[in-house]
Amino acid sequence: MTASAVVLAPPDVLTDEDCPGISPHPAVPRSGRTALWWIEQGLGPDRVVAYTCSCRMTAYELVSCGGVYQIRRLTLPRQDVPPVSWTAERWRREEAYEWWRRLLAGQAR
């Protein structure tokens, strides 16, 4: 599911040394995108099922917790943004993968 994402950064921004190139990069957020609601606590112990590259300031993980899915956002420390947050929404598998696809395509953030 995540293999279809494209790296949209110019080649001079990302180098082979900066990016391992083993996972997708989310596309640049599009105008009219859906704003996801982020909270500071997840459902509990989880399992990562998909993830984006960690070479950027913000990385995302699709996580499963007992058959319920959330997206986890991991950011470098900065003012007014918690370093780890989760989507407030909880989805079934099919819905979660659709939101994951939207996030990778820049249609949700």
Protein backbone atom coordinates (compact mmCIF):
# COMPACT_ATOMS: atom_id res chain seq x y z
CA MET A 1 0.00 0.00 0.00
CA THR A 2 2.78 2.48 0.81
CA ALA A 3 4.95 1.71 -2.22
CA SER A 4 3.00 4.10 -4.46
CA ALA A 5 4.10 7.29 -2.66
CA VAL A 6 6.55 9.55 -4.44
CA VAL A 7 9.36 11.65 -2.99
CA LEU A 8 8.55 15.23 -3.98
CA ALA A 9 11.58 16.98 -2.50
CA PRO A 10 14.10 18.39 -4.99
CA PRO A 11 17.21 16.21 -5.37
CA ASP A 12 19.44 18.87 -3.81
CA VAL A 13 17.39 18.80 -0.57
CA LEU A 14 17.66 15.05 0.06
CA THR A 15 20.94 13.25 -0.41
CA ASP A 16 21.72 9.56 -0.17
CA GLU A 17 23.42 10.28 3.16
CA ASP A 18 20.32 12.01 4.59
CA CYS A 19 17.68 9.57 3.40
CA PRO A 20 17.91 5.79 3.52
CA GLY A 21 15.20 5.59 0.84
CA ILE A 22 13.48 2.52 2.30
CA SER A 23 10.06 4.00 3.03
CA PRO A 24 7.77 6.54 1.33
CA HIS A 25 7.71 10.29 1.91
CA PRO A 26 4.32 11.98 2.31
CA ALA A 27 3.50 14.31 -0.57
CA VAL A 28 3.39 18.05 -0.05
CA PRO A 29 0.03 18.90 1.61
CA ARG A 30 -2.52 19.95 -1.00
CA SER A 31 -4.88 22.86 -0.71
CA GLY A 32 -8.29 21.71 0.49
CA ARG A 33 -6.77 18.80 2.39
CA THR A 34 -8.62 17.24 5.32
CA ALA A 35 -7.25 18.32 8.69
CA LEU A 36 -6.80 15.35 10.99
CA TRP A 37 -7.42 15.91 14.68
CA TRP A 38 -4.30 15.03 16.71
CA ILE A 39 -4.33 14.03 20.37
CA GLU A 40 -1.54 13.27 22.83
CA GLN A 41 -2.44 9.70 23.75
CA GLY A 42 -2.91 6.55 21.71
CA LEU A 43 -5.10 3.55 22.34
CA GLY A 44 -2.42 1.54 24.14
CA PRO A 45 0.17 -1.02 23.11
CA ASP A 46 0.28 -1.04 19.33
CA ARG A 47 1.95 -2.60 16.30
CA VAL A 48 3.33 -0.49 13.45
CA VAL A 49 1.97 -1.74 10.12
CA ALA A 50 3.25 1.04 7.80
CA TYR A 51 5.53 4.05 8.17
CA THR A 52 7.03 6.98 6.31
CA CYS A 53 10.69 7.87 6.06
CA SER A 54 12.17 9.49 9.16
CA CYS A 55 14.53 11.80 7.24
CA ARG A 56 12.02 14.68 7.47
CA MET A 57 10.92 16.78 10.47
CA THR A 58 7.69 14.80 10.70
CA ALA A 59 7.24 11.07 10.20
CA TYR A 60 4.02 9.04 10.36
CA GLU A 61 3.17 5.49 11.36
CA LEU A 62 0.00 3.53 10.77
CA VAL A 63 -0.53 1.49 13.93
CA SER A 64 -2.89 -1.29 14.94
CA CYS A 65 -4.12 -1.84 18.48
CA GLY A 66 -6.41 -4.83 18.88
CA GLY A 67 -7.90 -4.49 15.40
CA VAL A 68 -8.41 -0.73 15.66
CA TYR A 69 -6.10 1.57 13.70
CA GLN A 70 -4.69 5.05 14.27
CA ILE A 71 -2.00 7.17 12.66
CA ARG A 72 0.87 8.24 14.89
CA ARG A 73 2.75 11.47 14.11
CA LEU A 74 6.37 11.75 15.24
CA THR A 75 7.96 15.20 15.10
CA LEU A 76 11.25 16.73 16.03
CA PRO A 77 10.83 18.87 19.16
CA ARG A 78 9.38 22.30 18.39
CA GLN A 79 7.23 24.85 20.16
CA ASP A 80 3.52 24.03 20.56
CA VAL A 81 3.79 20.63 18.84
CA PRO A 82 4.05 17.48 20.95
CA PRO A 83 6.86 15.17 19.77
CA VAL A 84 4.43 12.24 19.52
CA SER A 85 0.71 12.45 18.82
CA TRP A 86 -2.06 10.21 17.51
CA THR A 87 -5.13 10.75 15.39
CA ALA A 88 -8.24 11.12 17.49
CA GLU A 89 -10.09 8.98 14.97
CA ARG A 90 -10.05 5.22 15.29
CA TRP A 91 -10.69 3.20 12.15
CA ARG A 92 -11.29 -0.32 10.97
CA ARG A 93 -8.61 -1.71 8.67
CA GLU A 94 -10.11 -0.63 5.32
CA GLU A 95 -10.86 2.91 6.50
CA ALA A 96 -7.40 3.22 8.07
CA TYR A 97 -5.64 2.27 4.84
CA GLU A 98 -7.74 4.79 2.94
CA TRP A 99 -6.73 7.57 5.38
CA TRP A 100 -3.11 6.38 5.18
CA ARG A 101 -3.30 6.67 1.38
CA ARG A 102 -4.75 10.19 1.70
CA LEU A 103 -1.98 11.20 4.10
CA LEU A 104 0.70 9.93 1.70
CA ALA A 105 -0.98 11.73 -1.21
CA GLY A 106 -1.08 15.07 0.65
CA GLN A 107 -4.88 14.98 0.92
CA ALA A 108 -4.86 14.81 4.74
CA ARG A 109 -2.58 16.14 7.50
